[in-house]
Amino acid sequence: MGIATSILSAQKVGRKINNQWIWCNLSFEILPGEQVAVVGASGSGKSLLLRAIAHLDSIQSGQILFQGKSIDSQYIPRYRSQVIYLHQRPALWEGTVEDNLKQVYRLTIHRDQVYNQQLIIDYLQLLHKSLDFLDRPVSAISGGEAQIVAFLRALQLSPLILLLDEPTASLDAETAHSLEALVTAWQKQNPQRAYLWTSHDPTQLERITNRTIQIKIQK
């Protein structure tokens, strides 16, 4: 058996706000198949870390490597198609649920992919949703259903890493468990896939993660 090569690594990364370090000298690796909890006290910058990994926010020190390579500005769109950030307040386009799922394939970065309705149907079965869910206007769906749409929209692109930032915090227990099952199914489809998850619910993290990255507030 060979030694697993990391998909993503952070090397002494640091984040400042108003000249105050939120965290610094933070280093870790994400290996294929991992399910990682990002934990820390309130205000320790867990969301900031996931956003930095997604290249939605900048870092002030260190570097993040993906598959052993640094990420330059030209590569960021491709990187974001492989490392997708999801949080608890998704933004959706107007139209139906299926319109939202198809819309991402109109983006240049995804032009080499095609919408796969059968994959979506398979995912809907896991979620106990009928096929007519796809025809519903997003203006008429609940917050939990909007989160389902956001998950489906991301997972259909076959990312390598999911960054899950309190994605089920505002959902009822049944919907939260359904989304956990969906992520588990997505990961089982490819043993290279991994995810990082933040949650205020320690029992959820115990269910769905197998190791922890601890963030400490800088003094």
N, C-alpha and C. Protein backbone atom coordinates (compact mmCIF):
# COMPACT_ATOMS: atom_id res chain seq x y z
N MET A 1 0.85 -1.20 0.00
CA MET A 1 0.00 0.00 0.00
C MET A 1 0.88 1.25 0.00
N GLY A 2 0.59 2.19 -0.93
CA GLY A 2 1.36 3.41 -0.96
C GLY A 2 0.80 4.43 0.01
N ILE A 3 1.56 5.47 0.22
CA ILE A 3 1.11 6.55 1.09
C ILE A 3 0.18 7.47 0.30
N ALA A 4 -0.99 7.76 0.85
CA ALA A 4 -1.96 8.62 0.15
C ALA A 4 -1.39 10.02 -0.03
N THR A 5 -1.62 10.56 -1.23
CA THR A 5 -1.20 11.92 -1.52
C THR A 5 -2.33 12.88 -1.23
N SER A 6 -2.03 13.99 -0.59
CA SER A 6 -3.09 14.94 -0.22
C SER A 6 -3.74 15.54 -1.46
N ILE A 7 -5.04 15.78 -1.36
CA ILE A 7 -5.75 16.51 -2.41
C ILE A 7 -5.49 18.00 -2.25
N LEU A 8 -5.52 18.43 -1.00
CA LEU A 8 -5.39 19.85 -0.70
C LEU A 8 -4.53 20.00 0.55
N SER A 9 -3.70 21.02 0.58
CA SER A 9 -2.92 21.29 1.78
C SER A 9 -2.83 22.78 2.03
N ALA A 10 -2.84 23.13 3.30
CA ALA A 10 -2.64 24.52 3.74
C ALA A 10 -1.29 24.58 4.44
N GLN A 11 -0.47 25.54 4.03
CA GLN A 11 0.88 25.65 4.57
C GLN A 11 1.06 27.00 5.26
N LYS A 12 0.99 26.95 6.58
CA LYS A 12 1.21 28.15 7.41
C LYS A 12 0.35 29.33 6.96
N VAL A 13 -0.95 29.05 6.73
CA VAL A 13 -1.83 30.11 6.27
C VAL A 13 -2.27 31.01 7.42
N GLY A 14 -2.50 32.26 7.10
CA GLY A 14 -2.95 33.23 8.11
C GLY A 14 -3.95 34.20 7.52
N ARG A 15 -4.88 34.66 8.36
CA ARG A 15 -5.94 35.59 7.93
C ARG A 15 -6.03 36.73 8.93
N LYS A 16 -5.99 37.95 8.40
CA LYS A 16 -6.09 39.16 9.22
C LYS A 16 -7.38 39.90 8.93
N ILE A 17 -7.95 40.51 9.96
CA ILE A 17 -9.02 41.47 9.80
C ILE A 17 -8.68 42.68 10.66
N ASN A 18 -8.65 43.85 10.01
CA ASN A 18 -8.28 45.09 10.72
C ASN A 18 -6.95 44.94 11.46
N ASN A 19 -5.97 44.37 10.76
CA ASN A 19 -4.60 44.19 11.29
C ASN A 19 -4.53 43.25 12.49
N GLN A 20 -5.59 42.50 12.73
CA GLN A 20 -5.60 41.52 13.81
C GLN A 20 -5.66 40.12 13.21
N TRP A 21 -4.69 39.27 13.60
CA TRP A 21 -4.71 37.90 13.11
C TRP A 21 -5.91 37.16 13.69
N ILE A 22 -6.71 36.55 12.81
CA ILE A 22 -7.79 35.67 13.25
C ILE A 22 -7.20 34.29 13.52
N TRP A 23 -6.41 33.81 12.58
CA TRP A 23 -5.58 32.61 12.77
C TRP A 23 -4.34 32.76 11.90
N CYS A 24 -3.27 32.10 12.31
CA CYS A 24 -2.03 32.18 11.54
C CYS A 24 -1.23 30.89 11.76
N ASN A 25 -0.29 30.68 10.85
CA ASN A 25 0.56 29.47 10.90
C ASN A 25 -0.27 28.19 10.98
N LEU A 26 -1.41 28.20 10.26
CA LEU A 26 -2.30 27.03 10.26
C LEU A 26 -1.91 26.12 9.09
N SER A 27 -1.58 24.88 9.41
CA SER A 27 -1.16 23.92 8.39
C SER A 27 -1.94 22.61 8.55
N PHE A 28 -2.36 22.05 7.44
CA PHE A 28 -3.03 20.75 7.46
C PHE A 28 -3.08 20.19 6.04
N GLU A 29 -3.41 18.90 5.94
CA GLU A 29 -3.60 18.25 4.65
C GLU A 29 -4.96 17.56 4.63
N ILE A 30 -5.56 17.51 3.45
CA ILE A 30 -6.81 16.78 3.25
C ILE A 30 -6.50 15.62 2.30
N LEU A 31 -6.77 14.41 2.77
CA LEU A 31 -6.48 13.21 1.98
C LEU A 31 -7.74 12.68 1.31
N PRO A 32 -7.59 11.89 0.25
CA PRO A 32 -8.76 11.30 -0.41
C PRO A 32 -9.63 10.52 0.59
N GLY A 33 -10.93 10.71 0.49
CA GLY A 33 -11.87 9.97 1.31
C GLY A 33 -12.10 10.52 2.70
N GLU A 34 -11.43 11.61 3.04
CA GLU A 34 -11.57 12.12 4.41
C GLU A 34 -12.87 12.89 4.60
N GLN A 35 -13.32 12.89 5.85
CA GLN A 35 -14.52 13.60 6.29
C GLN A 35 -14.09 14.43 7.50
N VAL A 36 -13.85 15.71 7.28
CA VAL A 36 -13.12 16.52 8.25
C VAL A 36 -14.04 17.54 8.92
N ALA A 37 -14.04 17.53 10.25
CA ALA A 37 -14.74 18.55 11.02
C ALA A 37 -13.79 19.73 11.27
N VAL A 38 -14.26 20.93 10.99
CA VAL A 38 -13.51 22.14 11.33
C VAL A 38 -14.17 22.72 12.57
N VAL A 39 -13.45 22.72 13.68
CA VAL A 39 -14.04 23.11 14.96
C VAL A 39 -13.22 24.24 15.60
N GLY A 40 -13.89 24.96 16.48
CA GLY A 40 -13.24 26.05 17.19
C GLY A 40 -14.31 26.89 17.86
N ALA A 41 -13.90 27.71 18.81
CA ALA A 41 -14.84 28.57 19.52
C ALA A 41 -15.48 29.57 18.57
N SER A 42 -16.62 30.12 18.98
CA SER A 42 -17.27 31.16 18.19
C SER A 42 -16.29 32.32 17.98
N GLY A 43 -16.19 32.78 16.74
CA GLY A 43 -15.27 33.86 16.43
C GLY A 43 -13.87 33.41 16.08
N SER A 44 -13.64 32.10 16.03
CA SER A 44 -12.30 31.61 15.73
C SER A 44 -11.99 31.62 14.24
N GLY A 45 -13.01 31.85 13.42
CA GLY A 45 -12.75 31.99 11.98
C GLY A 45 -12.95 30.73 11.17
N LYS A 46 -13.86 29.86 11.58
CA LYS A 46 -14.10 28.63 10.84
C LYS A 46 -14.64 28.94 9.43
N SER A 47 -15.63 29.82 9.35
CA SER A 47 -16.17 30.18 8.04
C SER A 47 -15.12 30.88 7.19
N LEU A 48 -14.32 31.72 7.83
CA LEU A 48 -13.26 32.41 7.09
C LEU A 48 -12.27 31.42 6.49
N LEU A 49 -12.01 30.35 7.22
CA LEU A 49 -11.09 29.34 6.69
C LEU A 49 -11.69 28.65 5.47
N LEU A 50 -12.94 28.24 5.55
CA LEU A 50 -13.55 27.58 4.40
C LEU A 50 -13.62 28.52 3.20
N ARG A 51 -13.93 29.79 3.45
CA ARG A 51 -13.98 30.76 2.36
C ARG A 51 -12.59 30.99 1.76
N ALA A 52 -11.58 30.96 2.60
CA ALA A 52 -10.22 31.11 2.09
C ALA A 52 -9.82 29.90 1.24
N ILE A 53 -10.18 28.71 1.70
CA ILE A 53 -9.90 27.51 0.91
C ILE A 53 -10.59 27.59 -0.45
N ALA A 54 -11.81 28.14 -0.47
CA ALA A 54 -12.57 28.28 -1.71
C ALA A 54 -12.07 29.43 -2.58
N HIS A 55 -11.11 30.19 -2.09
CA HIS A 55 -10.59 31.39 -2.76
C HIS A 55 -11.69 32.43 -2.95
N LEU A 56 -12.59 32.52 -1.98
CA LEU A 56 -13.57 33.59 -1.94
C LEU A 56 -13.07 34.75 -1.09
N ASP A 57 -12.17 34.45 -0.14
CA ASP A 57 -11.49 35.46 0.67
C ASP A 57 -9.99 35.25 0.53
N SER A 58 -9.24 36.32 0.71
CA SER A 58 -7.79 36.23 0.59
C SER A 58 -7.17 35.83 1.94
N ILE A 59 -5.95 35.32 1.87
CA ILE A 59 -5.16 35.07 3.07
C ILE A 59 -3.97 36.01 3.04
N GLN A 60 -3.44 36.31 4.22
CA GLN A 60 -2.34 37.26 4.33
C GLN A 60 -0.98 36.59 4.54
N SER A 61 -0.98 35.29 4.74
CA SER A 61 0.29 34.57 4.84
C SER A 61 0.08 33.12 4.45
N GLY A 62 1.17 32.47 4.04
CA GLY A 62 1.12 31.07 3.68
C GLY A 62 0.50 30.84 2.31
N GLN A 63 0.23 29.57 2.01
CA GLN A 63 -0.36 29.23 0.72
C GLN A 63 -1.21 27.97 0.84
N ILE A 64 -2.16 27.86 -0.11
CA ILE A 64 -3.01 26.68 -0.21
C ILE A 64 -2.69 26.00 -1.52
N LEU A 65 -2.42 24.70 -1.46
CA LEU A 65 -2.08 23.91 -2.64
C LEU A 65 -3.20 22.94 -2.94
N PHE A 66 -3.50 22.78 -4.23
CA PHE A 66 -4.50 21.80 -4.67
C PHE A 66 -3.81 20.80 -5.57
N GLN A 67 -3.87 19.54 -5.18
CA GLN A 67 -3.17 18.47 -5.91
C GLN A 67 -1.70 18.82 -6.12
N GLY A 68 -1.12 19.40 -5.07
CA GLY A 68 0.30 19.71 -5.06
C GLY A 68 0.70 20.98 -5.77
N LYS A 69 -0.25 21.74 -6.30
CA LYS A 69 0.08 22.94 -7.08
C LYS A 69 -0.55 24.18 -6.45
N SER A 70 0.17 25.29 -6.53
CA SER A 70 -0.40 26.55 -6.07
C SER A 70 -1.46 27.02 -7.06
N ILE A 71 -2.34 27.90 -6.61
CA ILE A 71 -3.50 28.30 -7.40
C ILE A 71 -3.32 29.73 -7.86
N ASP A 72 -3.07 29.92 -9.16
CA ASP A 72 -2.93 31.28 -9.67
C ASP A 72 -4.30 31.78 -10.14
N SER A 73 -4.37 33.07 -10.47
CA SER A 73 -5.66 33.69 -10.77
C SER A 73 -6.33 33.06 -12.00
N GLN A 74 -5.55 32.61 -12.97
CA GLN A 74 -6.14 32.02 -14.16
C GLN A 74 -6.78 30.66 -13.85
N TYR A 75 -6.30 29.99 -12.83
CA TYR A 75 -6.79 28.64 -12.52
C TYR A 75 -7.99 28.66 -11.56
N ILE A 76 -8.25 29.81 -10.95
CA ILE A 76 -9.29 29.87 -9.91
C ILE A 76 -10.66 29.38 -10.39
N PRO A 77 -11.16 29.77 -11.58
CA PRO A 77 -12.48 29.24 -11.99
C PRO A 77 -12.51 27.71 -12.05
N ARG A 78 -11.48 27.09 -12.60
CA ARG A 78 -11.41 25.63 -12.65
C ARG A 78 -11.33 25.04 -11.24
N TYR A 79 -10.55 25.69 -10.41
CA TYR A 79 -10.41 25.23 -9.02
C TYR A 79 -11.76 25.26 -8.30
N ARG A 80 -12.52 26.34 -8.49
CA ARG A 80 -13.81 26.47 -7.81
C ARG A 80 -14.84 25.47 -8.32
N SER A 81 -14.61 24.89 -9.49
CA SER A 81 -15.51 23.84 -9.96
C SER A 81 -15.18 22.51 -9.31
N GLN A 82 -13.99 22.41 -8.73
CA GLN A 82 -13.55 21.19 -8.05
C GLN A 82 -13.63 21.29 -6.54
N VAL A 83 -13.60 22.51 -6.02
CA VAL A 83 -13.66 22.76 -4.58
C VAL A 83 -14.81 23.74 -4.35
N ILE A 84 -15.96 23.22 -3.93
CA ILE A 84 -17.20 24.01 -3.90
C ILE A 84 -17.61 24.30 -2.46
N TYR A 85 -17.93 25.59 -2.24
CA TYR A 85 -18.33 26.09 -0.93
C TYR A 85 -19.85 26.15 -0.85
N LEU A 86 -20.42 25.56 0.20
CA LEU A 86 -21.86 25.59 0.44
C LEU A 86 -22.13 26.08 1.86
N HIS A 87 -23.09 26.99 1.99
CA HIS A 87 -23.43 27.48 3.33
C HIS A 87 -24.94 27.44 3.51
N GLN A 88 -25.45 28.01 4.58
CA GLN A 88 -26.86 27.81 4.93
C GLN A 88 -27.82 28.78 4.26
N ARG A 89 -27.32 29.74 3.50
CA ARG A 89 -28.21 30.68 2.82
C ARG A 89 -27.88 30.72 1.33
N PRO A 90 -28.33 29.73 0.58
CA PRO A 90 -27.97 29.66 -0.84
C PRO A 90 -28.67 30.73 -1.67
N ALA A 91 -28.02 31.15 -2.73
CA ALA A 91 -28.62 32.08 -3.69
C ALA A 91 -29.07 31.27 -4.90
N LEU A 92 -30.33 31.45 -5.29
CA LEU A 92 -30.87 30.72 -6.43
C LEU A 92 -31.31 31.69 -7.52
N TRP A 93 -31.28 31.20 -8.75
CA TRP A 93 -31.80 31.97 -9.88
C TRP A 93 -33.32 31.85 -9.94
N GLU A 94 -33.96 32.77 -10.64
CA GLU A 94 -35.40 32.67 -10.86
C GLU A 94 -35.68 31.48 -11.77
N GLY A 95 -36.91 30.97 -11.68
CA GLY A 95 -37.30 29.84 -12.51
C GLY A 95 -37.58 28.62 -11.66
N THR A 96 -37.58 27.47 -12.29
CA THR A 96 -37.88 26.23 -11.59
C THR A 96 -36.61 25.66 -10.95
N VAL A 97 -36.83 24.61 -10.16
CA VAL A 97 -35.69 23.89 -9.59
C VAL A 97 -34.78 23.38 -10.70
N GLU A 98 -35.37 22.77 -11.72
CA GLU A 98 -34.55 22.21 -12.80
C GLU A 98 -33.83 23.32 -13.58
N ASP A 99 -34.48 24.47 -13.75
CA ASP A 99 -33.80 25.61 -14.39
C ASP A 99 -32.51 25.94 -13.63
N ASN A 100 -32.58 25.92 -12.31
CA ASN A 100 -31.40 26.22 -11.49
C ASN A 100 -30.31 25.18 -11.69
N LEU A 101 -30.70 23.93 -11.82
CA LEU A 101 -29.70 22.88 -12.01
C LEU A 101 -29.05 22.99 -13.38
N LYS A 102 -29.83 23.35 -14.39
CA LYS A 102 -29.30 23.45 -15.76
C LYS A 102 -28.47 24.71 -15.97
N GLN A 103 -28.80 25.76 -15.21
CA GLN A 103 -28.17 27.07 -15.44
C GLN A 103 -26.65 27.01 -15.33
N VAL A 104 -26.12 26.20 -14.41
CA VAL A 104 -24.67 26.19 -14.20
C VAL A 104 -23.92 25.71 -15.44
N TYR A 105 -24.58 24.93 -16.30
CA TYR A 105 -23.91 24.43 -17.50
C TYR A 105 -23.79 25.48 -18.59
N ARG A 106 -24.42 26.63 -18.36
CA ARG A 106 -24.26 27.75 -19.28
C ARG A 106 -23.01 28.57 -18.96
N LEU A 107 -22.41 28.30 -17.81
CA LEU A 107 -21.19 28.99 -17.44
C LEU A 107 -20.02 28.39 -18.22
N THR A 108 -19.10 29.25 -18.63
CA THR A 108 -17.99 28.82 -19.47
C THR A 108 -17.21 27.67 -18.87
N ILE A 109 -16.99 27.71 -17.57
CA ILE A 109 -16.14 26.72 -16.92
C ILE A 109 -16.75 25.32 -16.99
N HIS A 110 -18.09 25.23 -17.14
CA HIS A 110 -18.76 23.93 -17.16
C HIS A 110 -19.25 23.54 -18.55
N ARG A 111 -18.76 24.21 -19.60
CA ARG A 111 -19.29 23.97 -20.94
C ARG A 111 -18.96 22.57 -21.47
N ASP A 112 -17.98 21.89 -20.84
CA ASP A 112 -17.63 20.54 -21.29
C ASP A 112 -18.47 19.48 -20.58
N GLN A 113 -19.43 19.89 -19.74
CA GLN A 113 -20.30 18.95 -19.05
C GLN A 113 -21.74 19.15 -19.52
N VAL A 114 -22.56 18.11 -19.33
CA VAL A 114 -23.96 18.21 -19.72
C VAL A 114 -24.84 17.83 -18.53
N TYR A 115 -26.01 18.38 -18.52
CA TYR A 115 -26.97 18.10 -17.45
C TYR A 115 -27.38 16.63 -17.50
N ASN A 116 -27.33 15.97 -16.35
CA ASN A 116 -27.65 14.55 -16.25
C ASN A 116 -28.87 14.39 -15.34
N GLN A 117 -30.05 14.34 -15.96
CA GLN A 117 -31.27 14.27 -15.15
C GLN A 117 -31.35 12.97 -14.36
N GLN A 118 -30.82 11.87 -14.91
CA GLN A 118 -30.90 10.60 -14.19
C GLN A 118 -30.12 10.67 -12.88
N LEU A 119 -28.97 11.34 -12.90
CA LEU A 119 -28.21 11.51 -11.66
C LEU A 119 -29.04 12.27 -10.63
N ILE A 120 -29.70 13.33 -11.09
CA ILE A 120 -30.54 14.12 -10.19
C ILE A 120 -31.70 13.29 -9.65
N ILE A 121 -32.32 12.47 -10.49
CA ILE A 121 -33.41 11.60 -10.04
C ILE A 121 -32.91 10.64 -8.97
N ASP A 122 -31.72 10.09 -9.18
CA ASP A 122 -31.15 9.19 -8.17
C ASP A 122 -30.95 9.90 -6.84
N TYR A 123 -30.46 11.14 -6.92
CA TYR A 123 -30.26 11.93 -5.70
C TYR A 123 -31.60 12.24 -5.04
N LEU A 124 -32.62 12.57 -5.85
CA LEU A 124 -33.94 12.89 -5.31
C LEU A 124 -34.53 11.70 -4.55
N GLN A 125 -34.28 10.50 -5.04
CA GLN A 125 -34.77 9.31 -4.34
C GLN A 125 -34.16 9.21 -2.95
N LEU A 126 -32.88 9.53 -2.84
CA LEU A 126 -32.23 9.54 -1.53
C LEU A 126 -32.88 10.55 -0.60
N LEU A 127 -33.38 11.64 -1.19
CA LEU A 127 -33.96 12.73 -0.42
C LEU A 127 -35.46 12.55 -0.22
N HIS A 128 -36.02 11.45 -0.73
CA HIS A 128 -37.46 11.19 -0.63
C HIS A 128 -38.27 12.29 -1.30
N LYS A 129 -37.74 12.75 -2.44
CA LYS A 129 -38.43 13.78 -3.23
C LYS A 129 -38.88 13.17 -4.55
N SER A 130 -40.08 13.53 -4.99
CA SER A 130 -40.60 13.02 -6.26
C SER A 130 -40.06 13.84 -7.43
N LEU A 131 -40.23 13.31 -8.63
CA LEU A 131 -39.70 13.95 -9.82
C LEU A 131 -40.31 15.33 -10.06
N ASP A 132 -41.56 15.53 -9.63
CA ASP A 132 -42.19 16.83 -9.88
C ASP A 132 -41.56 17.97 -9.07
N PHE A 133 -40.69 17.63 -8.13
CA PHE A 133 -39.93 18.67 -7.41
C PHE A 133 -39.14 19.54 -8.39
N LEU A 134 -38.70 18.93 -9.50
CA LEU A 134 -37.90 19.66 -10.48
C LEU A 134 -38.69 20.75 -11.17
N ASP A 135 -40.01 20.60 -11.23
CA ASP A 135 -40.85 21.58 -11.92
C ASP A 135 -41.33 22.72 -11.03
N ARG A 136 -41.02 22.66 -9.77
CA ARG A 136 -41.51 23.69 -8.85
C ARG A 136 -40.71 24.98 -9.01
N PRO A 137 -41.39 26.14 -8.99
CA PRO A 137 -40.66 27.42 -9.03
C PRO A 137 -39.92 27.62 -7.71
N VAL A 138 -38.72 28.14 -7.79
CA VAL A 138 -37.94 28.31 -6.56
C VAL A 138 -38.57 29.37 -5.65
N SER A 139 -39.42 30.22 -6.21
CA SER A 139 -40.11 31.22 -5.39
C SER A 139 -41.13 30.58 -4.46
N ALA A 140 -41.47 29.29 -4.71
CA ALA A 140 -42.51 28.63 -3.92
C ALA A 140 -41.96 27.49 -3.06
N ILE A 141 -40.63 27.41 -2.91
CA ILE A 141 -40.07 26.33 -2.10
C ILE A 141 -39.61 26.87 -0.75
N SER A 142 -39.48 25.97 0.20
CA SER A 142 -39.09 26.35 1.56
C SER A 142 -37.58 26.57 1.65
N GLY A 143 -37.13 27.06 2.79
CA GLY A 143 -35.70 27.25 3.00
C GLY A 143 -34.94 25.94 2.94
N GLY A 144 -35.53 24.89 3.51
CA GLY A 144 -34.89 23.58 3.45
C GLY A 144 -34.80 23.06 2.03
N GLU A 145 -35.86 23.28 1.25
CA GLU A 145 -35.84 22.84 -0.14
C GLU A 145 -34.84 23.66 -0.97
N ALA A 146 -34.70 24.93 -0.65
CA ALA A 146 -33.70 25.75 -1.34
C ALA A 146 -32.30 25.19 -1.07
N GLN A 147 -32.06 24.73 0.15
CA GLN A 147 -30.77 24.14 0.47
C GLN A 147 -30.56 22.84 -0.31
N ILE A 148 -31.63 22.07 -0.48
CA ILE A 148 -31.54 20.86 -1.30
C ILE A 148 -31.14 21.21 -2.73
N VAL A 149 -31.76 22.24 -3.28
CA VAL A 149 -31.42 22.67 -4.64
C VAL A 149 -29.93 23.05 -4.73
N ALA A 150 -29.45 23.78 -3.74
CA ALA A 150 -28.05 24.20 -3.74
C ALA A 150 -27.12 22.99 -3.69
N PHE A 151 -27.47 21.99 -2.87
CA PHE A 151 -26.67 20.77 -2.80
C PHE A 151 -26.68 20.05 -4.15
N LEU A 152 -27.86 19.86 -4.73
CA LEU A 152 -27.96 19.18 -6.02
C LEU A 152 -27.17 19.92 -7.10
N ARG A 153 -27.27 21.23 -7.10
CA ARG A 153 -26.58 22.05 -8.10
C ARG A 153 -25.06 21.87 -8.01
N ALA A 154 -24.57 21.73 -6.78
CA ALA A 154 -23.13 21.54 -6.58
C ALA A 154 -22.71 20.11 -6.88
N LEU A 155 -23.42 19.14 -6.35
CA LEU A 155 -23.00 17.74 -6.47
C LEU A 155 -23.03 17.24 -7.90
N GLN A 156 -23.94 17.77 -8.71
CA GLN A 156 -24.02 17.30 -10.10
C GLN A 156 -22.75 17.64 -10.89
N LEU A 157 -21.96 18.59 -10.40
CA LEU A 157 -20.73 18.99 -11.09
C LEU A 157 -19.55 18.09 -10.73
N SER A 158 -19.79 17.10 -9.87
CA SER A 158 -18.76 16.13 -9.47
C SER A 158 -17.50 16.81 -8.90
N PRO A 159 -17.65 17.67 -7.90
CA PRO A 159 -16.47 18.29 -7.29
C PRO A 159 -15.63 17.24 -6.56
N LEU A 160 -14.40 17.60 -6.29
CA LEU A 160 -13.52 16.71 -5.55
C LEU A 160 -13.60 16.99 -4.05
N ILE A 161 -13.85 18.24 -3.69
CA ILE A 161 -13.94 18.64 -2.28
C ILE A 161 -15.17 19.51 -2.08
N LEU A 162 -15.92 19.22 -1.02
CA LEU A 162 -17.01 20.09 -0.58
C LEU A 162 -16.60 20.80 0.70
N LEU A 163 -16.90 22.10 0.75
CA LEU A 163 -16.68 22.91 1.94
C LEU A 163 -18.05 23.28 2.49
N LEU A 164 -18.44 22.63 3.56
CA LEU A 164 -19.82 22.70 4.07
C LEU A 164 -19.85 23.54 5.34
N ASP A 165 -20.35 24.77 5.19
CA ASP A 165 -20.29 25.76 6.26
C ASP A 165 -21.67 25.89 6.92
N GLU A 166 -21.89 25.12 7.99
CA GLU A 166 -23.18 25.13 8.69
C GLU A 166 -24.35 24.95 7.72
N PRO A 167 -24.25 24.03 6.76
CA PRO A 167 -25.26 23.98 5.70
C PRO A 167 -26.63 23.50 6.16
N THR A 168 -26.70 22.85 7.31
CA THR A 168 -27.99 22.34 7.79
C THR A 168 -28.46 23.05 9.07
N ALA A 169 -27.83 24.16 9.42
CA ALA A 169 -28.11 24.81 10.70
C ALA A 169 -29.56 25.27 10.84
N SER A 170 -30.18 25.67 9.74
CA SER A 170 -31.55 26.21 9.82
C SER A 170 -32.60 25.20 9.36
N LEU A 171 -32.20 23.93 9.24
CA LEU A 171 -33.10 22.92 8.70
C LEU A 171 -33.69 22.05 9.81
N ASP A 172 -34.83 21.45 9.52
CA ASP A 172 -35.38 20.47 10.46
C ASP A 172 -34.51 19.21 10.42
N ALA A 173 -34.66 18.38 11.45
CA ALA A 173 -33.79 17.21 11.60
C ALA A 173 -33.90 16.26 10.42
N GLU A 174 -35.11 16.06 9.90
CA GLU A 174 -35.29 15.12 8.79
C GLU A 174 -34.55 15.57 7.53
N THR A 175 -34.68 16.88 7.21
CA THR A 175 -33.99 17.40 6.03
C THR A 175 -32.48 17.37 6.22
N ALA A 176 -32.03 17.69 7.43
CA ALA A 176 -30.60 17.66 7.72
C ALA A 176 -30.03 16.26 7.52
N HIS A 177 -30.74 15.25 8.02
CA HIS A 177 -30.29 13.87 7.85
C HIS A 177 -30.30 13.47 6.37
N SER A 178 -31.28 13.94 5.62
CA SER A 178 -31.34 13.63 4.19
C SER A 178 -30.14 14.21 3.45
N LEU A 179 -29.76 15.44 3.80
CA LEU A 179 -28.61 16.06 3.15
C LEU A 179 -27.31 15.36 3.56
N GLU A 180 -27.23 14.92 4.80
CA GLU A 180 -26.06 14.14 5.21
C GLU A 180 -25.96 12.87 4.37
N ALA A 181 -27.10 12.21 4.15
CA ALA A 181 -27.11 10.98 3.34
C ALA A 181 -26.71 11.27 1.90
N LEU A 182 -27.13 12.43 1.40
CA LEU A 182 -26.78 12.81 0.04
C LEU A 182 -25.26 13.01 -0.10
N VAL A 183 -24.66 13.69 0.86
CA VAL A 183 -23.21 13.90 0.82
C VAL A 183 -22.47 12.56 0.93
N THR A 184 -22.97 11.67 1.77
CA THR A 184 -22.36 10.35 1.91
C THR A 184 -22.42 9.59 0.58
N ALA A 185 -23.56 9.65 -0.10
CA ALA A 185 -23.70 8.98 -1.40
C ALA A 185 -22.76 9.59 -2.43
N TRP A 186 -22.68 10.91 -2.45
CA TRP A 186 -21.76 11.60 -3.37
C TRP A 186 -20.32 11.13 -3.14
N GLN A 187 -19.91 11.03 -1.88
CA GLN A 187 -18.53 10.65 -1.60
C GLN A 187 -18.26 9.20 -1.99
N LYS A 188 -19.23 8.33 -1.79
CA LYS A 188 -19.03 6.92 -2.12
C LYS A 188 -18.89 6.69 -3.62
N GLN A 189 -19.38 7.62 -4.43
CA GLN A 189 -19.28 7.48 -5.89
C GLN A 189 -17.84 7.60 -6.37
N ASN A 190 -16.98 8.21 -5.57
CA ASN A 190 -15.58 8.40 -5.95
C ASN A 190 -14.74 8.44 -4.68
N PRO A 191 -13.87 7.45 -4.45
CA PRO A 191 -13.09 7.40 -3.21
C PRO A 191 -12.08 8.53 -3.07
N GLN A 192 -11.87 9.32 -4.12
CA GLN A 192 -10.96 10.46 -4.03
C GLN A 192 -11.61 11.66 -3.36
N ARG A 193 -12.93 11.68 -3.26
CA ARG A 193 -13.64 12.85 -2.77
C ARG A 193 -13.50 13.01 -1.26
N ALA A 194 -13.54 14.26 -0.82
CA ALA A 194 -13.42 14.58 0.61
C ALA A 194 -14.28 15.80 0.91
N TYR A 195 -14.55 16.00 2.21
CA TYR A 195 -15.27 17.22 2.58
C TYR A 195 -14.81 17.73 3.93
N LEU A 196 -15.01 19.05 4.10
CA LEU A 196 -14.80 19.72 5.38
C LEU A 196 -16.16 20.28 5.80
N TRP A 197 -16.50 20.13 7.09
CA TRP A 197 -17.84 20.49 7.56
C TRP A 197 -17.72 21.25 8.88
N THR A 198 -18.40 22.40 8.97
CA THR A 198 -18.53 23.10 10.24
C THR A 198 -19.97 22.96 10.71
N SER A 199 -20.14 22.84 12.04
CA SER A 199 -21.48 22.71 12.60
C SER A 199 -21.43 23.07 14.07
N HIS A 200 -22.51 23.70 14.55
CA HIS A 200 -22.64 23.95 15.99
C HIS A 200 -23.20 22.72 16.71
N ASP A 201 -23.50 21.69 15.93
CA ASP A 201 -24.09 20.47 16.50
C ASP A 201 -23.01 19.38 16.60
N PRO A 202 -22.45 19.16 17.78
CA PRO A 202 -21.38 18.16 17.91
C PRO A 202 -21.83 16.76 17.57
N THR A 203 -23.11 16.45 17.78
CA THR A 203 -23.58 15.10 17.44
C THR A 203 -23.59 14.90 15.92
N GLN A 204 -23.87 15.97 15.19
CA GLN A 204 -23.80 15.86 13.73
C GLN A 204 -22.37 15.59 13.28
N LEU A 205 -21.44 16.35 13.82
CA LEU A 205 -20.03 16.14 13.44
C LEU A 205 -19.56 14.75 13.81
N GLU A 206 -20.05 14.22 14.92
CA GLU A 206 -19.68 12.86 15.31
C GLU A 206 -20.19 11.85 14.30
N ARG A 207 -21.38 12.12 13.74
CA ARG A 207 -21.98 11.20 12.76
C ARG A 207 -21.23 11.21 11.44
N ILE A 208 -20.82 12.39 10.99
CA ILE A 208 -20.44 12.54 9.58
C ILE A 208 -18.98 12.84 9.34
N THR A 209 -18.16 12.93 10.40
CA THR A 209 -16.74 13.21 10.19
C THR A 209 -15.88 12.16 10.88
N ASN A 210 -14.65 12.05 10.38
CA ASN A 210 -13.74 11.05 10.97
C ASN A 210 -12.42 11.65 11.48
N ARG A 211 -12.26 12.95 11.33
CA ARG A 211 -11.15 13.62 12.01
C ARG A 211 -11.44 15.10 12.12
N THR A 212 -10.59 15.82 12.86
CA THR A 212 -10.88 17.21 13.23
C THR A 212 -9.69 18.12 12.94
N ILE A 213 -10.02 19.31 12.43
CA ILE A 213 -9.06 20.42 12.38
C ILE A 213 -9.52 21.44 13.42
N GLN A 214 -8.67 21.71 14.38
CA GLN A 214 -9.01 22.63 15.47
C GLN A 214 -8.44 24.01 15.19
N ILE A 215 -9.29 25.03 15.26
CA ILE A 215 -8.83 26.41 15.10
C ILE A 215 -8.89 27.10 16.44
N LYS A 216 -7.80 27.76 16.80
CA LYS A 216 -7.74 28.48 18.06
C LYS A 216 -7.69 29.98 17.81
N ILE A 217 -8.44 30.71 18.63
CA ILE A 217 -8.46 32.18 18.54
C ILE A 217 -7.09 32.71 18.93
N GLN A 218 -6.58 33.65 18.11
CA GLN A 218 -5.28 34.27 18.42
C GLN A 218 -5.42 35.24 19.58
N LYS A 219 -4.46 35.19 20.47
CA LYS A 219 -4.45 36.13 21.61
C LYS A 219 -3.83 37.46 21.21
